[in-house]
Amino acid sequence: MNVAIVGYGAVEGKSALAYWQAQGAEVTVCDKNEHVVVPPGVPTQLGAGYLHDLGRFDLIVRNAGLHPKIILAENPRVEGKITTIVDEFLRVCPTKNTIGVTGTKGKGTTSTLIVKMLEAAGKQVFLGGNYGISPFDFLDKLTPDSWVVLELSSFMLYDIKHSPHIGVVLMVQPEHLDWHGSEEDYYNSKAHMFAYQNDHDIAIYYADNNTSHRLASTSPGEKIAFYDEPGAYIYDGNVMIDQTVLCKTSELKLLGKHNWQNVCAAATAVWQATQAPDAIRKVLTTFSGLPHRLEFVREVDGVGYYNDSFASDPYATQAAIQAIPGMKVLIVGGFDRMLPLEHFVETVKENQKDIRTIILIGDSAKRVASELHDSGLDNFKLSPATTMQTVVAEAHAHAEKGDSVLLSPGFASFDMFKNFEDRGQQFKECVHHL
């Protein structure tokens, strides 16, 4: 078999190369970057012609971030030959105990909660997918009793042909429209997680989001709502499922009511695998979140600093504003993908008594300033800063004792930083040097 890996990447490409070589395939690496480094002896097709004549291959493995339309534009007859690492993994996975998690925000937190809950219940669990770990890396460690949790992006789901046993879809709102081209294309991509389930499988959806419900409805399997019965829900200050109190909401270590959704989604998924309330409670009362997601950094001169760099769309920033109590200095802005700002502006208006000022940075700053100004708001400042050090210094100068400084950009990072991790890490380093 002749296999082309298109878009080598740092993690995906290496694991794909090793996997298909182990299957005895002749593998060629195709990448737009003519300087990409591959192991000695591996055939390559690099640079401007990396997509040339892909029809000669039996199988084309695309990097998740590479839209298949780009491949098909130059090779229109290869559609049936295109696959991804995640789809191939689901095809060959030796355990049926697979849980897929998708949604616009909260995938990483929910996936991690599920893993920790299953582990606390005594299960062998592996996490892969969008989390940054290729599932091929643990394929040879799996047994029929293992559990696999996959954090699945719309890019990974776009042309998938296999579905996990348990699919979880969180809140879904328009995102990545520059890649998908339309909201409907984005939603259809998410729906693929359920399209290949059977009537023994399970589709779990967010009860308060019509899009989430609609996507899960495409599954022929059992549908279970969360944030409402029969899944996990919030009642009288408790997280509950099946009439069982898992913990009080006041005991949750995750900040913000938006995280109640992630908690209920995770508990609902785990309840299908093992009804172990003590294990679930242990995780809910100890897990405080992932890096760059409402991450408390430190307190300086009575001011708390929070890193929410993962917030790359305005909806996430809205949630962060509501999650951090008290007076806040916000840092907002970045690479502008022209997502709508109406709901963000409304949230600022509703919470303006708790917002001392908004420091606007990056390419999006002028558009956000215009939207805020047109809504009668003036508690913002256009920053000329080009470094995180200057941004943090500005925020520090505006904050007063008892305030919180919250980096929750609401935009992508690519105008000033390598990625959201780089942005968040720089923020933390600058805060530690105050």
Protein backbone atom coordinates (compact mmCIF):
# COMPACT_ATOMS: atom_id res chain seq x y z
CA MET A 1 0.00 0.00 0.00
CA ASN A 2 1.23 3.49 -0.90
CA VAL A 3 0.30 6.10 1.72
CA ALA A 4 0.70 9.88 1.60
CA ILE A 5 0.83 11.87 4.83
CA VAL A 6 -0.24 15.36 3.82
CA GLY A 7 0.73 18.01 6.35
CA TYR A 8 3.37 16.37 8.49
CA GLY A 9 2.93 18.40 11.69
CA ALA A 10 4.82 18.06 14.95
CA VAL A 11 2.77 15.28 16.62
CA GLU A 12 0.31 13.88 14.12
CA GLY A 13 2.73 13.33 11.27
CA LYS A 14 5.32 11.41 13.27
CA SER A 15 2.74 9.07 14.80
CA ALA A 16 1.04 8.54 11.42
CA LEU A 17 4.35 7.72 9.76
CA ALA A 18 5.24 5.18 12.45
CA TYR A 19 1.78 3.59 12.37
CA TRP A 20 1.52 3.06 8.61
CA GLN A 21 5.14 1.96 8.31
CA ALA A 22 4.35 -0.69 10.93
CA GLN A 23 1.50 -1.84 8.68
CA GLY A 24 4.07 -2.41 5.92
CA ALA A 25 3.02 0.58 3.84
CA GLU A 26 5.32 2.67 1.65
CA VAL A 27 4.83 6.14 3.15
CA THR A 28 5.56 9.50 1.49
CA VAL A 29 5.53 12.73 3.48
CA CYS A 30 3.92 15.66 1.63
CA ASP A 31 4.24 19.07 3.22
CA LYS A 32 4.08 22.69 2.09
CA ASN A 33 7.12 23.41 4.24
CA GLU A 34 10.09 22.45 2.10
CA HIS A 35 12.32 22.42 5.18
CA VAL A 36 10.30 19.91 7.21
CA VAL A 37 12.54 17.27 8.79
CA VAL A 38 11.61 13.61 8.30
CA PRO A 39 13.49 10.41 9.21
CA PRO A 40 16.23 9.30 6.78
CA GLY A 41 15.03 7.23 3.85
CA VAL A 42 11.42 8.45 3.94
CA PRO A 43 10.26 9.71 0.48
CA THR A 44 9.06 13.31 0.47
CA GLN A 45 7.11 15.71 -1.71
CA LEU A 46 7.76 19.16 -0.28
CA GLY A 47 7.22 22.80 -1.11
CA ALA A 48 4.84 24.33 -3.64
CA GLY A 49 4.10 21.01 -5.35
CA TYR A 50 3.31 19.03 -2.22
CA LEU A 51 -0.24 18.25 -3.46
CA HIS A 52 0.82 17.15 -6.94
CA ASP A 53 -0.60 13.87 -8.28
CA LEU A 54 -1.90 12.48 -4.98
CA GLY A 55 -4.13 10.15 -6.98
CA ARG A 56 -1.20 7.75 -7.30
CA PHE A 57 -1.51 6.89 -3.60
CA ASP A 58 -3.86 4.27 -2.16
CA LEU A 59 -4.51 6.31 0.98
CA ILE A 60 -4.12 10.01 1.85
CA VAL A 61 -3.78 10.89 5.54
CA ARG A 62 -4.52 14.58 6.01
CA ASN A 63 -3.35 16.66 8.94
CA ALA A 64 -6.52 17.61 10.86
CA GLY A 65 -5.99 21.32 10.24
CA LEU A 66 -5.67 20.89 6.47
CA HIS A 67 -9.09 21.26 4.85
CA PRO A 68 -9.80 18.34 2.47
CA LYS A 69 -11.10 20.86 -0.07
CA ILE A 70 -7.52 22.04 -0.52
CA ILE A 71 -6.47 18.50 -1.43
CA LEU A 72 -9.50 17.93 -3.66
CA ALA A 73 -9.03 21.21 -5.52
CA GLU A 74 -5.87 19.80 -7.09
CA ASN A 75 -6.85 16.11 -6.93
CA PRO A 76 -10.63 15.95 -7.49
CA ARG A 77 -10.81 12.16 -7.75
CA VAL A 78 -9.25 11.22 -4.42
CA GLU A 79 -12.15 11.99 -2.06
CA GLY A 80 -12.70 8.35 -1.09
CA LYS A 81 -9.01 7.93 -0.28
CA ILE A 82 -8.73 10.68 2.36
CA THR A 83 -8.62 9.77 6.04
CA THR A 84 -7.31 11.12 9.36
CA ILE A 85 -5.48 9.69 12.35
CA VAL A 86 -8.60 9.86 14.53
CA ASP A 87 -10.77 8.06 11.98
CA GLU A 88 -8.22 5.32 11.45
CA PHE A 89 -7.82 4.93 15.21
CA LEU A 90 -11.56 4.49 15.70
CA ARG A 91 -11.55 1.92 12.89
CA VAL A 92 -8.89 -0.27 14.50
CA CYS A 93 -9.38 0.51 18.21
CA PRO A 94 -9.44 -2.80 20.16
CA THR A 95 -11.86 -1.52 22.81
CA LYS A 96 -15.46 -0.44 22.33
CA ASN A 97 -15.15 1.79 25.39
CA THR A 98 -14.63 5.04 23.50
CA ILE A 99 -15.92 8.46 24.49
CA GLY A 100 -15.75 11.41 22.09
CA VAL A 101 -16.21 14.99 23.29
CA THR A 102 -16.90 17.93 21.00
CA GLY A 103 -18.39 21.42 21.27
CA THR A 104 -17.31 24.99 20.74
CA LYS A 105 -15.79 25.49 24.20
CA GLY A 106 -15.16 23.21 27.16
CA LYS A 107 -13.89 20.16 25.25
CA GLY A 108 -10.57 20.01 27.06
CA THR A 109 -12.01 20.56 30.53
CA THR A 110 -14.82 18.04 30.01
CA SER A 111 -12.49 15.42 28.51
CA THR A 112 -10.06 15.79 31.40
CA LEU A 113 -12.87 15.52 33.95
CA ILE A 114 -14.09 12.30 32.32
CA VAL A 115 -10.58 10.82 32.37
CA LYS A 116 -10.03 11.70 36.02
CA MET A 117 -13.46 10.37 37.05
CA LEU A 118 -12.92 7.06 35.26
CA GLU A 119 -9.45 6.76 36.76
CA ALA A 120 -10.85 7.45 40.23
CA ALA A 121 -13.33 4.63 39.60
CA GLY A 122 -10.43 2.25 38.90
CA LYS A 123 -10.51 2.21 35.08
CA GLN A 124 -7.49 2.25 32.75
CA VAL A 125 -8.02 5.41 30.69
CA PHE A 126 -6.20 7.10 27.80
CA LEU A 127 -6.77 10.65 26.52
CA GLY A 128 -6.04 11.73 22.94
CA GLY A 129 -7.18 13.80 19.99
CA ASN A 130 -7.26 17.57 20.04
CA TYR A 131 -5.58 17.45 23.44
CA GLY A 132 -2.25 17.15 21.64
CA ILE A 133 -1.67 13.43 22.01
CA SER A 134 -2.05 11.17 18.99
CA PRO A 135 -4.17 8.09 19.85
CA PHE A 136 -1.68 6.03 17.85
CA ASP A 137 0.79 6.69 20.69
CA PHE A 138 -1.18 4.45 23.07
CA LEU A 139 -2.83 2.08 20.60
CA ASP A 140 -0.57 -0.83 21.52
CA LYS A 141 -1.33 -0.35 25.24
CA LEU A 142 -5.11 -0.82 24.88
CA THR A 143 -7.04 -3.89 26.01
CA PRO A 144 -10.75 -4.67 25.55
CA ASP A 145 -11.33 -3.26 29.05
CA SER A 146 -9.48 0.04 28.49
CA TRP A 147 -11.32 3.34 28.13
CA VAL A 148 -10.37 5.96 25.54
CA VAL A 149 -11.45 9.61 25.71
CA LEU A 150 -11.01 11.68 22.54
CA GLU A 151 -11.27 15.46 22.47
CA LEU A 152 -12.56 16.05 18.94
CA SER A 153 -12.42 19.32 17.00
CA SER A 154 -14.57 20.11 13.98
CA PHE A 155 -11.43 19.71 11.84
CA MET A 156 -11.03 16.13 13.05
CA LEU A 157 -14.70 15.32 12.60
CA TYR A 158 -15.10 16.89 9.17
CA ASP A 159 -14.85 13.69 7.10
CA ILE A 160 -14.88 11.02 9.82
CA LYS A 161 -16.43 7.62 8.96
CA HIS A 162 -16.42 6.02 12.44
CA SER A 163 -18.06 7.20 15.65
CA PRO A 164 -17.23 6.68 19.34
CA HIS A 165 -19.50 4.51 21.48
CA ILE A 166 -20.41 7.50 23.66
CA GLY A 167 -20.55 10.90 21.99
CA VAL A 168 -20.79 14.09 24.06
CA VAL A 169 -21.65 17.41 22.41
CA LEU A 170 -21.39 20.53 24.57
CA MET A 171 -22.58 24.05 23.82
CA VAL A 172 -22.20 24.69 20.08
CA GLN A 173 -21.91 28.22 18.69
CA PRO A 174 -20.44 29.47 15.39
CA GLU A 175 -16.64 29.20 15.25
CA HIS A 176 -13.84 28.56 12.74
CA LEU A 177 -15.98 30.06 9.97
CA ASP A 178 -12.81 31.04 8.09
CA TRP A 179 -12.06 27.29 7.76
CA HIS A 180 -15.59 25.98 7.31
CA GLY A 181 -17.02 28.77 5.20
CA SER A 182 -20.46 28.69 6.86
CA GLU A 183 -22.18 27.95 10.16
CA GLU A 184 -23.98 24.97 8.64
CA ASP A 185 -20.73 23.40 7.47
CA TYR A 186 -19.34 23.78 11.01
CA TYR A 187 -22.46 22.19 12.54
CA ASN A 188 -22.47 19.35 10.01
CA SER A 189 -18.86 18.59 10.88
CA LYS A 190 -19.74 18.27 14.56
CA ALA A 191 -22.71 16.03 13.70
CA HIS A 192 -20.38 13.50 12.06
CA MET A 193 -19.44 12.28 15.55
CA PHE A 194 -22.89 10.70 15.79
CA ALA A 195 -23.52 9.81 12.16
CA TYR A 196 -21.84 6.40 12.35
CA GLN A 197 -23.13 5.33 15.74
CA ASN A 198 -25.47 2.34 16.01
CA ASP A 199 -28.53 1.74 18.18
CA HIS A 200 -26.34 0.42 21.02
CA ASP A 201 -24.39 3.69 21.21
CA ILE A 202 -25.13 6.80 23.26
CA ALA A 203 -25.44 10.48 22.28
CA ILE A 204 -25.18 12.97 25.15
CA TYR A 205 -26.16 16.59 24.52
CA TYR A 206 -26.55 19.92 26.33
CA ALA A 207 -30.24 20.33 27.14
CA ASP A 208 -30.21 24.15 26.92
CA ASN A 209 -28.62 24.39 23.47
CA ASN A 210 -30.86 23.65 20.48
CA THR A 211 -27.90 23.08 18.16
CA SER A 212 -26.37 20.55 20.55
CA HIS A 213 -29.72 18.71 20.67
CA ARG A 214 -30.07 18.80 16.89
CA LEU A 215 -26.61 17.35 16.30
CA ALA A 216 -27.10 14.51 18.79
CA SER A 217 -30.47 13.72 17.20
CA THR A 218 -28.66 12.41 14.13
CA SER A 219 -27.54 9.41 16.20
CA PRO A 220 -29.56 6.17 15.96
CA GLY A 221 -28.51 5.41 19.54
CA GLU A 222 -29.86 6.43 22.92
CA LYS A 223 -30.07 10.21 23.46
CA ILE A 224 -29.38 11.57 26.94
CA ALA A 225 -29.60 15.24 27.91
CA PHE A 226 -27.26 16.76 30.46
CA TYR A 227 -27.95 19.86 32.55
CA ASP A 228 -31.38 18.30 32.88
CA GLU A 229 -32.70 14.87 33.71
CA PRO A 230 -32.01 12.06 32.91
CA GLY A 231 -28.39 13.26 32.84
CA ALA A 232 -26.56 15.25 35.52
CA TYR A 233 -28.16 18.54 36.49
CA ILE A 234 -28.05 21.35 39.07
CA TYR A 235 -30.79 21.42 41.70
CA ASP A 236 -31.00 23.38 44.93
CA GLY A 237 -27.25 24.04 44.98
CA ASN A 238 -26.31 20.44 44.23
CA VAL A 239 -24.86 18.56 41.27
CA MET A 240 -27.16 15.57 40.86
CA ILE A 241 -27.77 12.55 38.66
CA ASP A 242 -30.32 9.77 38.97
CA GLN A 243 -31.58 11.31 42.25
CA THR A 244 -28.04 11.04 43.64
CA VAL A 245 -26.22 14.10 45.04
CA LEU A 246 -22.68 14.15 43.66
CA CYS A 247 -21.56 17.32 45.44
CA LYS A 248 -22.62 20.86 46.23
CA THR A 249 -21.94 23.54 43.62
CA SER A 250 -20.08 25.46 46.34
CA GLU A 251 -17.62 22.56 46.56
CA LEU A 252 -16.66 22.70 42.88
CA LYS A 253 -13.08 23.86 42.31
CA LEU A 254 -13.74 24.95 38.71
CA LEU A 255 -14.55 28.66 38.48
CA GLY A 256 -17.70 29.98 36.84
CA LYS A 257 -21.23 28.77 36.22
CA HIS A 258 -20.30 27.94 32.62
CA ASN A 259 -18.18 25.13 34.07
CA TRP A 260 -21.32 23.63 35.61
CA GLN A 261 -22.16 22.55 32.07
CA ASN A 262 -18.81 20.78 31.71
CA VAL A 263 -19.23 19.13 35.10
CA CYS A 264 -22.69 17.83 34.21
CA ALA A 265 -21.55 16.64 30.78
CA ALA A 266 -18.63 14.69 32.28
CA ALA A 267 -20.70 13.17 35.07
CA THR A 268 -23.37 12.09 32.59
CA ALA A 269 -20.82 10.39 30.35
CA VAL A 270 -19.09 8.61 33.23
CA TRP A 271 -22.44 7.48 34.69
CA GLN A 272 -22.95 5.41 31.53
CA ALA A 273 -19.65 3.62 32.21
CA THR A 274 -19.71 3.26 35.97
CA GLN A 275 -22.11 4.55 38.58
CA ALA A 276 -19.49 5.55 41.13
CA PRO A 277 -20.64 8.74 42.90
CA ASP A 278 -17.72 8.78 45.34
CA ALA A 279 -15.18 8.74 42.49
CA ILE A 280 -17.03 11.50 40.64
CA ARG A 281 -17.32 13.60 43.80
CA LYS A 282 -13.60 13.27 44.52
CA VAL A 283 -12.74 14.75 41.13
CA LEU A 284 -15.34 17.51 41.21
CA THR A 285 -14.14 18.76 44.58
CA THR A 286 -10.42 18.71 43.73
CA PHE A 287 -9.94 19.47 40.00
CA SER A 288 -9.40 23.21 39.48
CA GLY A 289 -8.97 23.30 35.71
CA LEU A 290 -6.50 23.18 32.84
CA PRO A 291 -3.70 25.69 32.14
CA HIS A 292 -4.81 28.91 30.39
CA ARG A 293 -8.48 28.35 31.35
CA LEU A 294 -9.40 30.83 34.11
CA GLU A 295 -6.09 29.91 35.72
CA PHE A 296 -5.24 31.82 38.90
CA VAL A 297 -1.65 33.04 38.59
CA ARG A 298 -0.91 34.97 41.79
CA GLU A 299 -1.91 37.94 43.91
CA VAL A 300 0.16 41.14 43.77
CA ASP A 301 -0.56 44.12 46.04
CA GLY A 302 -4.02 42.76 46.77
CA VAL A 303 -4.84 42.24 43.07
CA GLY A 304 -5.56 38.75 41.71
CA TYR A 305 -4.28 37.85 38.24
CA TYR A 306 -6.10 35.29 36.07
CA ASN A 307 -4.89 33.71 32.82
CA ASP A 308 -7.74 32.78 30.46
CA SER A 309 -5.67 32.89 27.27
CA PHE A 310 -7.56 29.89 25.86
CA ALA A 311 -10.56 32.21 25.41
CA SER A 312 -10.21 32.82 21.68
CA ASP A 313 -13.76 33.92 20.92
CA PRO A 314 -16.06 36.54 22.51
CA TYR A 315 -18.41 33.89 23.96
CA ALA A 316 -15.58 32.52 26.12
CA THR A 317 -14.76 36.02 27.36
CA GLN A 318 -18.40 36.54 28.29
CA ALA A 319 -18.24 33.43 30.46
CA ALA A 320 -15.00 34.62 32.07
CA ILE A 321 -16.48 38.03 32.94
CA GLN A 322 -19.30 36.29 34.74
CA ALA A 323 -17.01 33.72 36.40
CA ILE A 324 -14.62 36.10 38.20
CA PRO A 325 -16.41 38.00 40.97
CA GLY A 326 -15.80 41.61 41.98
CA MET A 327 -14.16 44.52 40.18
CA LYS A 328 -12.08 43.58 37.14
CA VAL A 329 -9.52 44.98 34.74
CA LEU A 330 -9.98 43.08 31.48
CA ILE A 331 -7.39 42.47 28.77
CA VAL A 332 -9.23 41.82 25.50
CA GLY A 333 -8.17 41.55 21.86
CA GLY A 334 -6.06 39.76 19.29
CA PHE A 335 -6.23 38.49 15.74
CA ASP A 336 -9.66 39.42 14.39
CA ARG A 337 -11.63 36.65 12.68
CA MET A 338 -14.61 39.04 12.46
CA LEU A 339 -16.83 37.05 14.83
CA PRO A 340 -19.94 38.95 15.99
CA LEU A 341 -19.54 41.12 19.08
CA GLU A 342 -23.16 41.94 19.96
CA HIS A 343 -23.46 39.44 22.82
CA PHE A 344 -20.04 40.36 24.18
CA VAL A 345 -20.97 44.06 24.27
CA GLU A 346 -24.25 43.21 25.98
CA THR A 347 -22.39 41.23 28.64
CA VAL A 348 -20.06 44.19 29.24
CA LYS A 349 -23.07 46.49 29.65
CA GLU A 350 -24.76 44.11 32.07
CA ASN A 351 -21.58 43.82 34.16
CA GLN A 352 -20.12 47.32 33.74
CA LYS A 353 -20.37 48.11 37.46
CA ASP A 354 -17.82 45.31 37.99
CA ILE A 355 -15.48 46.33 35.15
CA ARG A 356 -13.01 49.05 36.05
CA THR A 357 -11.61 49.20 32.53
CA ILE A 358 -11.01 47.09 29.43
CA ILE A 359 -7.53 47.25 27.92
CA LEU A 360 -7.93 46.59 24.19
CA ILE A 361 -4.95 45.09 22.39
CA GLY A 362 -4.06 43.62 19.01
CA ASP A 363 -5.62 43.79 15.55
CA SER A 364 -9.17 43.69 16.90
CA ALA A 365 -8.78 46.65 19.27
CA LYS A 366 -10.30 49.35 17.04
CA ARG A 367 -13.33 47.26 16.05
CA VAL A 368 -14.05 46.32 19.66
CA ALA A 369 -13.62 49.95 20.73
CA SER A 370 -16.06 51.07 18.05
CA GLU A 371 -18.67 48.50 19.12
CA LEU A 372 -18.34 49.47 22.78
CA HIS A 373 -18.50 53.19 21.99
CA ASP A 374 -21.58 52.77 19.79
CA SER A 375 -23.32 51.05 22.71
CA GLY A 376 -22.67 54.02 25.00
CA LEU A 377 -19.77 52.46 26.89
CA ASP A 378 -16.57 54.32 27.69
CA ASN A 379 -14.81 52.08 30.23
CA PHE A 380 -12.14 50.95 27.78
CA LYS A 381 -8.68 51.99 26.65
CA LEU A 382 -7.03 51.43 23.29
CA SER A 383 -3.56 50.17 24.10
CA PRO A 384 -0.58 50.78 21.80
CA ALA A 385 1.26 47.90 23.51
CA THR A 386 3.12 45.45 21.30
CA THR A 387 4.48 43.25 24.10
CA MET A 388 2.83 41.36 26.94
CA GLN A 389 5.15 43.07 29.40
CA THR A 390 3.65 46.46 28.47
CA VAL A 391 0.10 45.06 28.56
CA VAL A 392 0.55 43.64 32.06
CA ALA A 393 2.17 46.88 33.26
CA GLU A 394 -0.88 48.84 31.99
CA ALA A 395 -3.30 46.47 33.70
CA HIS A 396 -1.29 46.67 36.93
CA ALA A 397 -1.40 50.47 36.83
CA HIS A 398 -5.21 50.50 36.45
CA ALA A 399 -6.01 47.85 39.07
CA GLU A 400 -6.78 48.72 42.68
CA LYS A 401 -6.58 46.58 45.79
CA GLY A 402 -9.32 43.95 45.75
CA ASP A 403 -9.55 43.95 41.93
CA SER A 404 -8.83 41.09 39.55
CA VAL A 405 -6.83 41.43 36.34
CA LEU A 406 -8.26 39.03 33.79
CA LEU A 407 -6.56 38.12 30.53
CA SER A 408 -9.50 36.73 28.53
CA PRO A 409 -8.74 37.93 25.00
CA GLY A 410 -11.81 36.70 23.09
CA PHE A 411 -9.70 36.57 19.92
CA ALA A 412 -7.04 34.37 18.38
CA SER A 413 -3.41 35.00 19.33
CA PHE A 414 -1.67 35.04 15.97
CA ASP A 415 -1.21 38.81 15.63
CA MET A 416 1.17 39.11 18.61
CA PHE A 417 1.91 35.55 19.78
CA LYS A 418 2.65 32.06 18.44
CA ASN A 419 -0.50 30.54 19.92
CA PHE A 420 -2.72 30.77 22.99
CA GLU A 421 -0.18 28.84 25.09
CA ASP A 422 2.55 31.35 24.23
CA ARG A 423 0.21 34.24 25.03
CA GLY A 424 -0.78 32.72 28.37
CA GLN A 425 2.74 31.75 29.31
CA GLN A 426 4.04 35.24 28.59
CA PHE A 427 1.23 36.67 30.71
CA LYS A 428 2.13 34.43 33.62
CA GLU A 429 5.83 35.22 33.36
CA CYS A 430 5.14 38.96 33.30
CA VAL A 431 2.81 38.68 36.31
CA HIS A 432 5.48 36.75 38.24
CA HIS A 433 7.93 39.57 37.54
CA LEU A 434 5.68 42.30 38.91
